[in-house]
Amino acid sequence: MAGQMAGQPIFILREGSQRTKGREAQSNNIMAAKAVAEAVRTTLGPKGMDKMLVDSLGDVVITNDGATILKEMDIEHPAAKMIVEVSKTQDDEVGDGTTTAAVIAGELLKKAEELIEQDVHPTIIASGYRLASERAADILQTLARKVTINDEGILLNIAGTAMTGKGAEASKDVLSRIAVSAIKSIVDTTDGKNKVEMDNINVEKKVGARIEDSELITGMIIDKERVHSNMPKKVPNAKIALINIAIELKETEVDAEISITSPEQLQSFLDQEEKMIRSIVDKIVASGATVVFCQKGIDDMAQHFLSKSGIFAVRRVKKSDMQKLARATGGRLITNLDEITAGDLGKAQLVEEKKVGGDEMTFVTGCENPKAVSILLRGGTEHVIDNIERALHDALRVVGVAIEDETLVAGGGSPEVELALRLYEYAATLSGREQLAVKAFSEALEIIPRTLAENAGLDPIDKLMELRAHHEKGSKTAGLNVFTGEIIDMWKAGVVEPLRVKTQAINAAAESAVMILRIDDIIASTRAPAGPSAEGMVPNMPPGMGGMGME
């Protein structure tokens, strides 16, 4: 980048910087974003295929989840990273619809590129897209129906819809029940509003057994064993002390030396040490505790005294697990053993150590009104269990969102077809060039039912025409049954999703598409050579060329 002054060029950017301007910059960005959307498009829907991602260390991830795929891919292009952000935001906000969000964003940019080629200015397209996304949110509100925490059947359908196509179909019923029960256990209601905190659900994975053997524990599972073999393996009607300081002697803050000149003095010193540790354990025993969970270490001598007192103790429990234990058992975290009282203790009907998948684990069960629960996931192999965990996470999130918002829409591509038709009608009411952008937006939404049909091996054009015909006749919840190829009522079929899944996907896709469209200049600074030698490297890769790689 240089200016001219009295015949003398003035360099503003450092040597080697790359600059792409105008139509070329827009074309590069759109191409990169479309490539990302295309990469995840085949995973959409119940008949979507999985991706295998292998990183530089040879670790394998097999998944159908859009957010996971895009996160694991080594994407370099800056515009492509924006599409990854759309998917990530969708995952953080709702948990499901990550592929939908990325695919819609890619299609919006594809339609925008066609308009740019017809000399429609990108800012006019951006303005039309904003109008269309606002209108889409209003239309979705009219399609939404109410759901409450007591609608067990509908909540099970929501969980089942989220898990369909993610490798969990065979065990969908079991996992849906687990997801709904887990979420209902941890709902907090304040001022008539439901709040679901996902951190209160602890998911433990253990290889072995079948997926159907997964279970919900109304309490906590801690992936630790008791510290001493003489401690009881099972403690009924447990009173639980949650201690987040070490049960051992404190070391002095300053450097100190103890001079011992005779065996009697050494014995006296050891006796005193033993006495101090015994006094710490006595305070725990005096409180009435029969189980101790300690966030820090437990001294060997303390372990001995605790086992003599018949106390079940576990050490080095994670801070997050300690907080969940406090919520599940109703106990308080103790930071000073001098002040421990019976009122600080949590309660559970049973604390026991069980062997699961070759490892000893501690089960805290039978908690009264637990506000934190655990799910023990089982599966044949590590990859299977990881895939099931991702499917279950999506199910938990969407059930939580449905309970929080209490609004649902039908699935199976039905809201997108309805939106496309209504937005097309809305476009006709506009007079400026924004009309073209709103029409493009409406056409872009049809990529979802089209992709569902393609992934199921059906003719996308025929199915789209059928869907439009049903919606024009007033069947607002008509969607595509990918298993039979028929157009059916999605409400009756139980294919439902929280309203927030759709609104978030469309808003995030529209906003990112607008942001990418408004870029007409890319300035990329020189990269520093990697490693001790940069020989044989291409130091200045033009922004359009740094595409998408998978390590």
Protein backbone atom coordinates (compact mmCIF):
# COMPACT_ATOMS: atom_id res chain seq x y z
CA MET A 1 0.00 0.00 0.00
CA ALA A 2 1.72 3.17 -1.14
CA GLY A 3 0.87 6.79 -1.79
CA GLN A 4 2.59 9.17 -4.24
CA MET A 5 4.11 12.45 -3.12
CA ALA A 6 6.18 14.58 -5.54
CA GLY A 7 7.07 11.47 -7.50
CA GLN A 8 8.29 9.73 -4.33
CA PRO A 9 6.29 6.62 -3.22
CA ILE A 10 5.31 6.55 0.47
CA PHE A 11 4.91 3.09 1.99
CA ILE A 12 2.26 2.85 4.71
CA LEU A 13 2.15 -0.91 5.27
CA ARG A 14 5.23 -2.98 6.04
CA GLU A 15 6.86 -4.76 3.15
CA GLY A 16 5.24 -8.05 2.22
CA SER A 17 1.76 -7.17 3.55
CA GLN A 18 -1.08 -8.43 1.36
CA ARG A 19 -4.12 -6.37 0.47
CA THR A 20 -7.27 -7.55 -1.29
CA LYS A 21 -9.91 -4.96 -2.21
CA GLY A 22 -13.43 -4.61 -3.55
CA ARG A 23 -15.23 -7.40 -5.35
CA GLU A 24 -12.27 -9.78 -5.02
CA ALA A 25 -12.22 -9.42 -1.22
CA GLN A 26 -15.97 -10.03 -1.01
CA SER A 27 -15.74 -13.01 -3.34
CA ASN A 28 -12.90 -14.57 -1.31
CA ASN A 29 -14.78 -14.15 1.97
CA ILE A 30 -18.03 -15.55 0.60
CA MET A 31 -16.22 -18.50 -0.97
CA ALA A 32 -14.51 -19.38 2.33
CA ALA A 33 -17.75 -19.08 4.34
CA LYS A 34 -19.64 -21.23 1.81
CA ALA A 35 -16.92 -23.88 2.01
CA VAL A 36 -17.36 -24.12 5.81
CA ALA A 37 -21.15 -24.38 5.51
CA GLU A 38 -20.77 -27.05 2.82
CA ALA A 39 -18.43 -29.05 5.08
CA VAL A 40 -21.13 -29.57 7.73
CA ARG A 41 -24.18 -29.63 5.46
CA THR A 42 -24.18 -33.41 4.99
CA THR A 43 -24.53 -33.91 8.76
CA LEU A 44 -27.93 -32.17 8.96
CA GLY A 45 -31.01 -34.11 9.98
CA PRO A 46 -31.84 -37.64 11.14
CA LYS A 47 -30.22 -39.15 8.03
CA GLY A 48 -27.12 -36.94 8.21
CA MET A 49 -23.70 -38.58 7.99
CA ASP A 50 -20.89 -38.37 10.55
CA LYS A 51 -17.43 -36.87 10.15
CA MET A 52 -14.16 -38.37 11.32
CA LEU A 53 -11.63 -35.75 12.41
CA VAL A 54 -8.02 -36.74 13.06
CA ASP A 55 -5.71 -34.23 14.74
CA SER A 56 -1.92 -33.92 14.46
CA LEU A 57 -1.44 -36.35 17.36
CA GLY A 58 -3.59 -38.98 15.70
CA ASP A 59 -6.53 -38.55 18.12
CA VAL A 60 -9.83 -39.36 16.43
CA VAL A 61 -13.18 -37.61 16.92
CA ILE A 62 -16.26 -39.10 15.23
CA THR A 63 -19.24 -36.77 15.42
CA ASN A 64 -22.36 -35.45 13.74
CA ASP A 65 -22.44 -32.24 15.82
CA GLY A 66 -21.81 -29.10 13.74
CA ALA A 67 -20.14 -27.12 16.54
CA THR A 68 -17.77 -30.00 17.39
CA ILE A 69 -16.81 -30.51 13.72
CA LEU A 70 -16.04 -26.83 13.16
CA LYS A 71 -14.17 -26.56 16.47
CA GLU A 72 -11.98 -29.57 15.68
CA MET A 73 -11.20 -28.47 12.10
CA ASP A 74 -8.07 -26.40 11.66
CA ILE A 75 -9.67 -23.42 9.90
CA GLU A 76 -7.35 -20.64 8.81
CA HIS A 77 -9.37 -18.20 6.70
CA PRO A 78 -10.62 -15.23 8.82
CA ALA A 79 -14.09 -15.10 7.17
CA ALA A 80 -14.50 -18.86 7.61
CA LYS A 81 -13.75 -18.41 11.31
CA MET A 82 -16.80 -16.11 11.55
CA ILE A 83 -19.04 -19.02 10.48
CA VAL A 84 -17.38 -21.16 13.16
CA GLU A 85 -18.29 -18.42 15.66
CA VAL A 86 -21.96 -18.63 14.57
CA SER A 87 -21.98 -22.34 15.33
CA LYS A 88 -20.13 -21.89 18.64
CA THR A 89 -22.57 -19.18 19.80
CA GLN A 90 -25.51 -21.41 18.89
CA ASP A 91 -23.97 -24.22 20.94
CA ASP A 92 -23.36 -21.97 23.96
CA GLU A 93 -26.80 -20.36 23.81
CA VAL A 94 -29.07 -23.30 22.96
CA GLY A 95 -27.00 -26.47 22.55
CA ASP A 96 -28.70 -27.62 19.33
CA GLY A 97 -29.13 -26.23 15.82
CA THR A 98 -25.40 -25.64 15.32
CA THR A 99 -25.34 -27.15 11.82
CA THR A 100 -28.55 -25.28 10.90
CA ALA A 101 -26.98 -21.94 11.87
CA ALA A 102 -23.81 -22.55 9.82
CA VAL A 103 -25.74 -23.82 6.77
CA ILE A 104 -28.15 -20.84 6.76
CA ALA A 105 -25.22 -18.38 7.08
CA GLY A 106 -23.47 -20.00 4.10
CA GLU A 107 -26.65 -19.94 1.99
CA LEU A 108 -27.36 -16.27 2.84
CA LEU A 109 -23.89 -15.38 1.56
CA LYS A 110 -24.39 -17.47 -1.58
CA LYS A 111 -27.64 -15.61 -2.36
CA ALA A 112 -25.97 -12.29 -1.56
CA GLU A 113 -23.20 -13.05 -4.05
CA GLU A 114 -25.81 -13.52 -6.79
CA LEU A 115 -27.27 -10.10 -5.95
CA ILE A 116 -23.83 -8.45 -5.92
CA GLU A 117 -23.28 -9.80 -9.45
CA GLN A 118 -26.53 -8.03 -10.43
CA ASP A 119 -24.96 -4.77 -9.08
CA VAL A 120 -27.02 -4.61 -5.88
CA HIS A 121 -24.84 -2.83 -3.32
CA PRO A 122 -23.78 -4.92 -0.27
CA THR A 123 -25.16 -2.34 2.19
CA ILE A 124 -28.61 -2.63 0.56
CA ILE A 125 -28.39 -6.43 0.86
CA ALA A 126 -27.34 -6.03 4.51
CA SER A 127 -30.29 -3.71 5.15
CA GLY A 128 -32.71 -6.19 3.53
CA TYR A 129 -31.28 -9.09 5.51
CA ARG A 130 -31.80 -7.17 8.76
CA LEU A 131 -35.41 -6.41 7.85
CA ALA A 132 -35.98 -10.07 6.96
CA SER A 133 -34.44 -11.43 10.19
CA GLU A 134 -36.59 -9.07 12.31
CA ARG A 135 -39.69 -10.11 10.40
CA ALA A 136 -38.71 -13.78 10.71
CA ALA A 137 -38.55 -13.46 14.51
CA ASP A 138 -42.10 -12.02 14.53
CA ILE A 139 -43.42 -14.79 12.26
CA LEU A 140 -41.79 -17.48 14.43
CA GLN A 141 -43.63 -16.08 17.46
CA THR A 142 -46.94 -16.72 15.68
CA LEU A 143 -45.90 -20.35 14.99
CA ALA A 144 -44.84 -21.00 18.62
CA ARG A 145 -46.87 -23.02 21.12
CA LYS A 146 -46.68 -23.15 24.90
CA VAL A 147 -45.10 -25.91 26.97
CA THR A 148 -44.75 -26.26 30.76
CA ILE A 149 -42.47 -28.26 33.03
CA ASN A 150 -45.36 -30.70 33.63
CA ASP A 151 -45.75 -31.63 29.92
CA GLU A 152 -43.62 -34.76 30.30
CA GLY A 153 -44.53 -36.23 26.89
CA ILE A 154 -43.63 -33.05 24.99
CA LEU A 155 -40.34 -32.67 26.89
CA LEU A 156 -39.44 -36.26 25.98
CA ASN A 157 -40.18 -35.45 22.33
CA ILE A 158 -37.91 -32.37 22.50
CA ALA A 159 -35.04 -34.48 23.90
CA GLY A 160 -35.66 -37.19 21.28
CA THR A 161 -35.66 -34.65 18.41
CA ALA A 162 -32.32 -33.21 19.58
CA MET A 163 -30.71 -36.66 19.73
CA THR A 164 -32.07 -38.01 16.43
CA GLY A 165 -29.31 -38.44 13.87
CA LYS A 166 -26.49 -38.31 16.41
CA GLY A 167 -25.81 -42.01 16.83
CA ALA A 168 -28.12 -42.32 19.83
CA GLU A 169 -31.36 -43.43 18.08
CA ALA A 170 -31.28 -46.99 19.39
CA SER A 171 -31.21 -45.76 22.98
CA LYS A 172 -33.18 -42.55 22.41
CA ASP A 173 -36.01 -43.45 24.78
CA VAL A 174 -33.73 -44.26 27.73
CA LEU A 175 -31.53 -41.18 27.22
CA SER A 176 -34.55 -38.88 26.70
CA ARG A 177 -36.03 -40.00 30.04
CA ILE A 178 -32.67 -39.46 31.76
CA ALA A 179 -32.32 -35.97 30.21
CA VAL A 180 -35.85 -34.83 31.18
CA SER A 181 -35.60 -36.22 34.74
CA ALA A 182 -32.16 -34.62 35.23
CA ILE A 183 -33.30 -31.18 34.06
CA LYS A 184 -36.53 -31.28 36.10
CA SER A 185 -34.48 -32.11 39.22
CA ILE A 186 -32.30 -29.00 38.98
CA VAL A 187 -34.84 -26.34 37.92
CA ASP A 188 -34.81 -23.25 40.15
CA THR A 189 -37.92 -21.06 40.10
CA THR A 190 -37.63 -17.38 41.06
CA ASP A 191 -40.44 -14.83 40.54
CA GLY A 192 -42.34 -17.37 38.47
CA LYS A 193 -39.42 -17.77 36.03
CA ASN A 194 -37.68 -21.11 35.58
CA LYS A 195 -33.88 -21.15 35.54
CA VAL A 196 -31.77 -24.14 34.54
CA GLU A 197 -28.08 -24.20 35.44
CA MET A 198 -26.37 -26.92 33.40
CA ASP A 199 -23.34 -26.95 35.73
CA ASN A 200 -25.51 -28.76 38.30
CA ILE A 201 -25.55 -31.89 36.15
CA ASN A 202 -22.47 -34.06 36.48
CA VAL A 203 -21.85 -36.50 33.60
CA GLU A 204 -19.46 -39.39 34.27
CA LYS A 205 -18.44 -41.66 31.37
CA LYS A 206 -17.37 -45.26 31.83
CA VAL A 207 -16.55 -47.65 28.99
CA GLY A 208 -18.25 -51.04 29.20
CA ALA A 209 -21.86 -52.30 29.29
CA ARG A 210 -24.56 -51.07 26.90
CA ILE A 211 -25.78 -47.52 26.30
CA GLU A 212 -29.15 -48.63 27.79
CA ASP A 213 -27.35 -49.30 31.09
CA SER A 214 -26.74 -45.56 31.52
CA GLU A 215 -28.52 -44.25 34.61
CA LEU A 216 -29.50 -41.08 36.43
CA ILE A 217 -28.32 -40.81 40.04
CA THR A 218 -30.40 -38.52 42.26
CA GLY A 219 -27.25 -37.35 43.95
CA MET A 220 -23.62 -37.39 42.95
CA ILE A 221 -21.03 -39.72 41.47
CA ILE A 222 -17.45 -38.88 42.43
CA ASP A 223 -14.75 -40.56 40.37
CA LYS A 224 -12.66 -41.28 43.49
CA GLU A 225 -12.30 -44.13 45.96
CA ARG A 226 -12.09 -44.11 49.77
CA VAL A 227 -8.61 -43.27 51.04
CA HIS A 228 -8.18 -46.27 53.38
CA SER A 229 -9.13 -49.91 52.82
CA ASN A 230 -10.32 -50.30 56.45
CA MET A 231 -13.00 -47.68 55.98
CA PRO A 232 -16.57 -48.94 55.50
CA LYS A 233 -17.55 -49.50 51.86
CA LYS A 234 -21.16 -48.54 52.47
CA VAL A 235 -22.58 -45.86 54.81
CA PRO A 236 -26.40 -45.74 55.14
CA ASN A 237 -28.10 -42.51 56.36
CA ALA A 238 -24.85 -40.64 55.79
CA LYS A 239 -24.05 -37.30 57.38
CA ILE A 240 -21.58 -35.66 55.03
CA ALA A 241 -18.85 -33.15 55.92
CA LEU A 242 -17.60 -31.15 52.91
CA ILE A 243 -14.16 -29.88 53.87
CA ASN A 244 -12.13 -27.70 51.53
CA ILE A 245 -8.97 -27.51 53.65
CA ALA A 246 -6.30 -30.19 54.09
CA ILE A 247 -6.73 -32.64 56.98
CA GLU A 248 -3.07 -32.56 57.93
CA LEU A 249 -0.63 -30.47 59.96
CA LYS A 250 0.08 -27.00 58.65
CA GLU A 251 3.59 -26.17 57.61
CA THR A 252 5.12 -23.00 59.04
CA GLU A 253 5.15 -19.93 56.84
CA VAL A 254 8.75 -19.12 57.87
CA ASP A 255 11.89 -21.25 57.78
CA ALA A 256 12.19 -22.99 61.13
CA GLU A 257 14.50 -25.62 62.57
CA ILE A 258 13.77 -28.05 65.40
CA SER A 259 16.80 -29.34 67.25
CA ILE A 260 16.34 -32.84 68.72
CA THR A 261 19.19 -34.22 70.82
CA SER A 262 17.72 -37.39 72.33
CA PRO A 263 15.37 -40.26 71.38
CA GLU A 264 12.92 -39.14 74.10
CA GLN A 265 12.63 -35.71 72.50
CA LEU A 266 12.01 -37.33 69.09
CA GLN A 267 9.30 -39.54 70.59
CA SER A 268 7.78 -36.54 72.34
CA PHE A 269 7.75 -34.62 69.03
CA LEU A 270 6.04 -37.54 67.20
CA ASP A 271 3.52 -37.93 70.03
CA GLN A 272 2.69 -34.24 69.83
CA GLU A 273 2.22 -34.50 66.05
CA GLU A 274 -0.09 -37.50 66.53
CA LYS A 275 -2.03 -35.67 69.21
CA MET A 276 -2.60 -32.65 66.95
CA ILE A 277 -3.87 -34.81 64.07
CA ARG A 278 -6.08 -36.77 66.48
CA SER A 279 -7.59 -33.49 67.72
CA ILE A 280 -8.44 -32.51 64.09
CA VAL A 281 -10.14 -35.88 63.51
CA ASP A 282 -11.94 -35.64 66.88
CA LYS A 283 -13.56 -32.36 65.75
CA ILE A 284 -14.91 -34.12 62.64
CA VAL A 285 -16.15 -37.09 64.74
CA ALA A 286 -17.74 -34.74 67.31
CA SER A 287 -19.81 -33.04 64.57
CA GLY A 288 -21.53 -36.39 63.88
CA ALA A 289 -20.10 -36.77 60.36
CA THR A 290 -19.96 -40.32 59.00
CA VAL A 291 -18.62 -39.37 55.53
CA VAL A 292 -15.91 -36.83 54.66
CA PHE A 293 -15.25 -35.33 51.22
CA CYS A 294 -12.04 -33.32 51.27
CA GLN A 295 -10.97 -30.96 48.49
CA LYS A 296 -7.30 -31.16 49.57
CA GLY A 297 -5.13 -33.94 50.99
CA ILE A 298 -5.69 -36.22 54.01
CA ASP A 299 -2.59 -37.13 56.05
CA ASP A 300 -1.76 -40.87 56.42
CA MET A 301 -2.21 -40.68 60.18
CA ALA A 302 -5.50 -38.81 59.76
CA GLN A 303 -6.66 -41.59 57.42
CA HIS A 304 -5.87 -44.12 60.12
CA PHE A 305 -7.85 -42.24 62.80
CA LEU A 306 -10.78 -41.65 60.43
CA SER A 307 -10.95 -45.36 59.55
CA LYS A 308 -10.78 -46.27 63.30
CA SER A 309 -13.81 -44.00 63.81
CA GLY A 310 -15.68 -45.78 60.98
CA ILE A 311 -15.72 -42.70 58.77
CA PHE A 312 -15.77 -43.01 54.96
CA ALA A 313 -13.34 -40.41 53.54
CA VAL A 314 -12.47 -39.28 50.01
CA ARG A 315 -9.69 -36.81 49.22
CA ARG A 316 -8.72 -34.45 46.39
CA VAL A 317 -12.29 -33.98 45.16
CA LYS A 318 -12.59 -31.35 42.40
CA LYS A 319 -13.85 -27.92 43.47
CA SER A 320 -16.76 -28.13 40.99
CA ASP A 321 -17.75 -31.54 42.42
CA MET A 322 -17.61 -30.13 45.97
CA GLN A 323 -20.03 -27.36 44.97
CA LYS A 324 -22.37 -29.88 43.34
CA LEU A 325 -22.20 -32.08 46.46
CA ALA A 326 -23.19 -29.07 48.57
CA ARG A 327 -26.25 -28.49 46.34
CA ALA A 328 -27.18 -32.17 46.20
CA THR A 329 -26.85 -32.96 49.92
CA GLY A 330 -27.76 -29.60 51.42
CA GLY A 331 -24.40 -29.37 53.19
CA ARG A 332 -22.11 -26.36 53.58
CA LEU A 333 -18.47 -26.14 52.51
CA ILE A 334 -16.30 -26.02 55.64
CA THR A 335 -13.15 -23.89 55.70
CA ASN A 336 -12.47 -23.94 59.45
CA LEU A 337 -12.68 -27.22 61.39
CA ASP A 338 -12.92 -25.35 64.72
CA GLU A 339 -16.37 -24.11 63.71
CA ILE A 340 -17.81 -27.33 62.26
CA THR A 341 -21.31 -28.13 63.58
CA ALA A 342 -23.98 -30.73 62.87
CA GLY A 343 -25.91 -28.04 60.92
CA ASP A 344 -23.09 -27.82 58.35
CA LEU A 345 -23.42 -31.47 57.35
CA GLY A 346 -25.18 -32.71 54.23
CA LYS A 347 -27.46 -35.76 54.21
CA ALA A 348 -27.86 -38.75 51.90
CA GLN A 349 -29.60 -42.09 52.31
CA LEU A 350 -26.54 -43.99 51.10
CA VAL A 351 -22.87 -43.35 50.34
CA GLU A 352 -21.08 -46.36 48.87
CA GLU A 353 -18.06 -47.31 46.81
CA LYS A 354 -18.85 -49.31 43.67
CA LYS A 355 -16.70 -50.75 40.92
CA VAL A 356 -17.73 -49.38 37.53
CA GLY A 357 -15.83 -50.28 34.36
CA GLY A 358 -12.83 -51.46 36.37
CA ASP A 359 -12.59 -48.26 38.47
CA GLU A 360 -13.80 -47.60 41.99
CA MET A 361 -16.30 -44.73 42.20
CA THR A 362 -18.17 -43.16 45.11
CA PHE A 363 -21.97 -42.94 44.80
CA VAL A 364 -23.90 -40.46 46.96
CA THR A 365 -27.56 -41.42 46.47
CA GLY A 366 -30.99 -40.86 47.97
CA CYS A 367 -30.54 -37.11 48.49
CA GLU A 368 -33.63 -35.26 49.65
CA ASN A 369 -34.76 -32.86 46.88
CA PRO A 370 -31.33 -32.85 45.15
CA LYS A 371 -30.47 -29.65 43.27
CA ALA A 372 -27.52 -31.36 41.59
CA VAL A 373 -27.64 -34.76 39.91
CA SER A 374 -25.29 -37.14 38.10
CA ILE A 375 -25.61 -39.17 34.93
CA LEU A 376 -23.53 -42.32 34.52
CA LEU A 377 -23.04 -42.90 30.80
CA ARG A 378 -22.05 -46.35 29.53
CA GLY A 379 -20.99 -47.42 26.05
CA GLY A 380 -19.03 -50.07 24.19
CA THR A 381 -16.00 -47.96 23.23
CA GLU A 382 -14.47 -44.57 23.99
CA HIS A 383 -15.64 -43.09 20.68
CA VAL A 384 -19.20 -44.36 21.12
CA ILE A 385 -19.45 -42.94 24.62
CA ASP A 386 -18.04 -39.55 23.54
CA ASN A 387 -20.60 -39.36 20.72
CA ILE A 388 -23.44 -40.30 23.09
CA GLU A 389 -22.26 -37.63 25.55
CA ARG A 390 -22.48 -34.94 22.84
CA ALA A 391 -25.99 -36.11 21.89
CA LEU A 392 -27.06 -36.13 25.55
CA HIS A 393 -25.57 -32.65 26.08
CA ASP A 394 -27.72 -31.32 23.21
CA ALA A 395 -30.82 -33.01 24.67
CA LEU A 396 -30.17 -31.60 28.15
CA ARG A 397 -29.66 -28.08 26.78
CA VAL A 398 -32.80 -28.03 24.61
CA VAL A 399 -35.01 -29.42 27.41
CA GLY A 400 -33.55 -26.76 29.72
CA VAL A 401 -34.22 -24.00 27.16
CA ALA A 402 -37.78 -25.28 26.58
CA ILE A 403 -38.50 -25.19 30.34
CA GLU A 404 -36.97 -21.69 30.64
CA ASP A 405 -38.76 -20.15 27.62
CA GLU A 406 -41.91 -22.34 27.65
CA THR A 407 -42.26 -21.96 23.85
CA LEU A 408 -41.88 -24.54 21.06
CA VAL A 409 -42.03 -24.77 17.29
CA ALA A 410 -42.37 -27.81 15.04
CA GLY A 411 -39.25 -29.33 13.44
CA GLY A 412 -38.63 -31.25 10.22
CA GLY A 413 -38.07 -28.12 8.11
CA SER A 414 -41.63 -26.86 8.66
CA PRO A 415 -40.78 -23.44 10.26
CA GLU A 416 -38.26 -22.68 7.49
CA VAL A 417 -40.79 -23.37 4.71
CA GLU A 418 -43.44 -21.26 6.46
CA LEU A 419 -40.92 -18.44 6.99
CA ALA A 420 -39.82 -18.61 3.34
CA LEU A 421 -43.40 -18.20 2.10
CA ARG A 422 -44.31 -15.43 4.54
CA LEU A 423 -41.08 -13.50 3.89
CA TYR A 424 -41.69 -13.76 0.13
CA GLU A 425 -45.09 -12.12 0.70
CA TYR A 426 -43.45 -9.50 2.94
CA ALA A 427 -40.87 -8.70 0.23
CA ALA A 428 -43.71 -7.74 -2.15
CA THR A 429 -44.75 -4.95 0.29
CA LEU A 430 -41.32 -3.28 0.06
CA SER A 431 -40.58 -0.77 -2.67
CA GLY A 432 -36.78 -0.39 -2.73
CA ARG A 433 -34.00 -2.78 -3.70
CA GLU A 434 -34.24 -4.28 -0.20
CA GLN A 435 -37.11 -6.27 -1.72
CA LEU A 436 -34.52 -8.35 -3.62
CA ALA A 437 -32.54 -9.02 -0.44
CA VAL A 438 -35.65 -10.10 1.51
CA LYS A 439 -36.56 -12.47 -1.34
CA ALA A 440 -33.02 -13.84 -1.30
CA PHE A 441 -33.32 -14.34 2.49
CA SER A 442 -36.58 -16.27 2.05
CA GLU A 443 -35.01 -18.51 -0.60
CA ALA A 444 -31.93 -19.10 1.59
CA LEU A 445 -34.09 -20.51 4.42
CA GLU A 446 -35.30 -23.26 2.09
CA ILE A 447 -31.80 -24.75 2.21
CA ILE A 448 -32.82 -26.55 5.44
CA PRO A 449 -35.74 -28.66 4.05
CA ARG A 450 -33.77 -29.08 0.80
CA THR A 451 -30.75 -30.45 2.71
CA LEU A 452 -32.93 -32.73 4.87
CA ALA A 453 -34.33 -34.25 1.66
CA GLU A 454 -30.89 -34.56 0.01
CA ASN A 455 -29.36 -36.26 3.05
CA ALA A 456 -32.25 -38.73 3.13
CA GLY A 457 -31.71 -39.64 -0.55
CA LEU A 458 -34.97 -37.96 -1.65
CA ASP A 459 -35.51 -35.57 -4.55
CA PRO A 460 -35.06 -32.11 -2.96
CA ILE A 461 -37.02 -30.17 -5.61
CA ASP A 462 -40.06 -32.49 -5.49
CA LYS A 463 -40.14 -32.48 -1.70
CA LEU A 464 -39.78 -28.70 -1.53
CA MET A 465 -42.68 -28.25 -3.93
CA GLU A 466 -44.81 -30.64 -1.85
CA LEU A 467 -43.94 -28.80 1.35
CA ARG A 468 -44.79 -25.41 -0.19
CA ALA A 469 -48.15 -26.77 -1.42
CA HIS A 470 -49.07 -28.04 2.08
CA HIS A 471 -48.09 -24.73 3.69
CA GLU A 472 -50.01 -22.69 1.10
CA LYS A 473 -53.09 -24.73 2.05
CA GLY A 474 -52.63 -23.64 5.68
CA SER A 475 -50.72 -26.61 7.16
CA LYS A 476 -48.18 -24.49 9.06
CA THR A 477 -46.63 -27.49 10.82
CA ALA A 478 -46.21 -29.69 7.73
CA GLY A 479 -42.67 -31.08 7.55
CA LEU A 480 -40.67 -33.79 5.87
CA ASN A 481 -40.58 -37.29 7.33
CA VAL A 482 -37.09 -38.30 6.14
CA PHE A 483 -37.70 -41.98 6.92
CA THR A 484 -40.75 -42.40 4.65
CA GLY A 485 -40.39 -39.39 2.34
CA GLU A 486 -43.94 -38.25 3.19
CA ILE A 487 -45.07 -34.76 4.20
CA ILE A 488 -46.65 -35.06 7.67
CA ASP A 489 -47.79 -32.91 10.59
CA MET A 490 -44.69 -32.50 12.75
CA TRP A 491 -46.67 -31.71 15.91
CA LYS A 492 -48.53 -35.00 15.70
CA ALA A 493 -45.27 -36.83 14.94
CA GLY A 494 -43.69 -35.30 18.07
CA VAL A 495 -40.85 -33.57 16.17
CA VAL A 496 -40.56 -30.35 18.17
CA GLU A 497 -37.82 -27.88 19.12
CA PRO A 498 -37.58 -24.87 21.45
CA LEU A 499 -38.38 -21.58 19.72
CA ARG A 500 -34.98 -20.21 20.78
CA VAL A 501 -33.18 -22.81 18.61
CA LYS A 502 -34.71 -21.26 15.48
CA THR A 503 -34.58 -17.58 16.45
CA GLN A 504 -30.95 -17.82 17.58
CA ALA A 505 -29.89 -19.73 14.44
CA ILE A 506 -31.54 -17.25 12.05
CA ASN A 507 -30.38 -14.13 13.94
CA ALA A 508 -26.78 -15.32 14.31
CA ALA A 509 -26.62 -16.44 10.65
CA ALA A 510 -28.05 -13.11 9.42
CA GLU A 511 -25.72 -11.01 11.59
CA SER A 512 -22.59 -12.88 10.53
CA ALA A 513 -23.63 -12.78 6.84
CA VAL A 514 -24.15 -9.00 7.10
CA MET A 515 -20.76 -8.56 8.78
CA ILE A 516 -18.95 -10.56 6.06
CA LEU A 517 -20.83 -8.72 3.28
CA ARG A 518 -19.76 -5.29 4.56
CA ILE A 519 -16.04 -6.14 4.27
CA ASP A 520 -14.51 -4.74 1.06
CA ASP A 521 -10.85 -4.53 2.05
CA ILE A 522 -8.62 -7.18 3.65
CA ILE A 523 -5.16 -6.17 4.82
CA ALA A 524 -3.06 -9.10 6.01
CA SER A 525 0.29 -8.35 7.65
CA THR A 526 3.38 -10.43 7.01
CA ARG A 527 3.68 -13.60 9.01
CA ALA A 528 6.83 -14.25 11.01
CA PRO A 529 8.70 -17.32 9.72
CA ALA A 530 7.90 -20.42 11.81
CA GLY A 531 10.73 -22.38 13.41
CA PRO A 532 14.50 -21.85 13.14
CA SER A 533 14.42 -21.78 9.33
CA ALA A 534 11.81 -20.38 7.00
CA GLU A 535 13.43 -21.91 3.94
CA GLY A 536 11.02 -23.45 1.48
CA MET A 537 8.01 -21.68 3.04
CA VAL A 538 5.58 -19.37 1.28
CA PRO A 539 5.78 -16.40 3.68
CA ASN A 540 3.00 -14.21 2.29
CA MET A 541 -0.05 -16.25 1.47
CA PRO A 542 -2.79 -14.05 -0.03
CA PRO A 543 -5.89 -13.90 2.20
CA GLY A 544 -8.04 -15.70 -0.36
CA MET A 545 -5.65 -18.62 -0.57
CA GLY A 546 -5.36 -19.50 3.11
CA GLY A 547 -8.33 -21.78 3.01
CA MET A 548 -9.39 -24.51 5.27
CA GLY A 549 -7.21 -27.35 6.43
CA MET A 550 -7.79 -30.30 8.70
CA GLU A 551 -4.84 -31.48 10.74
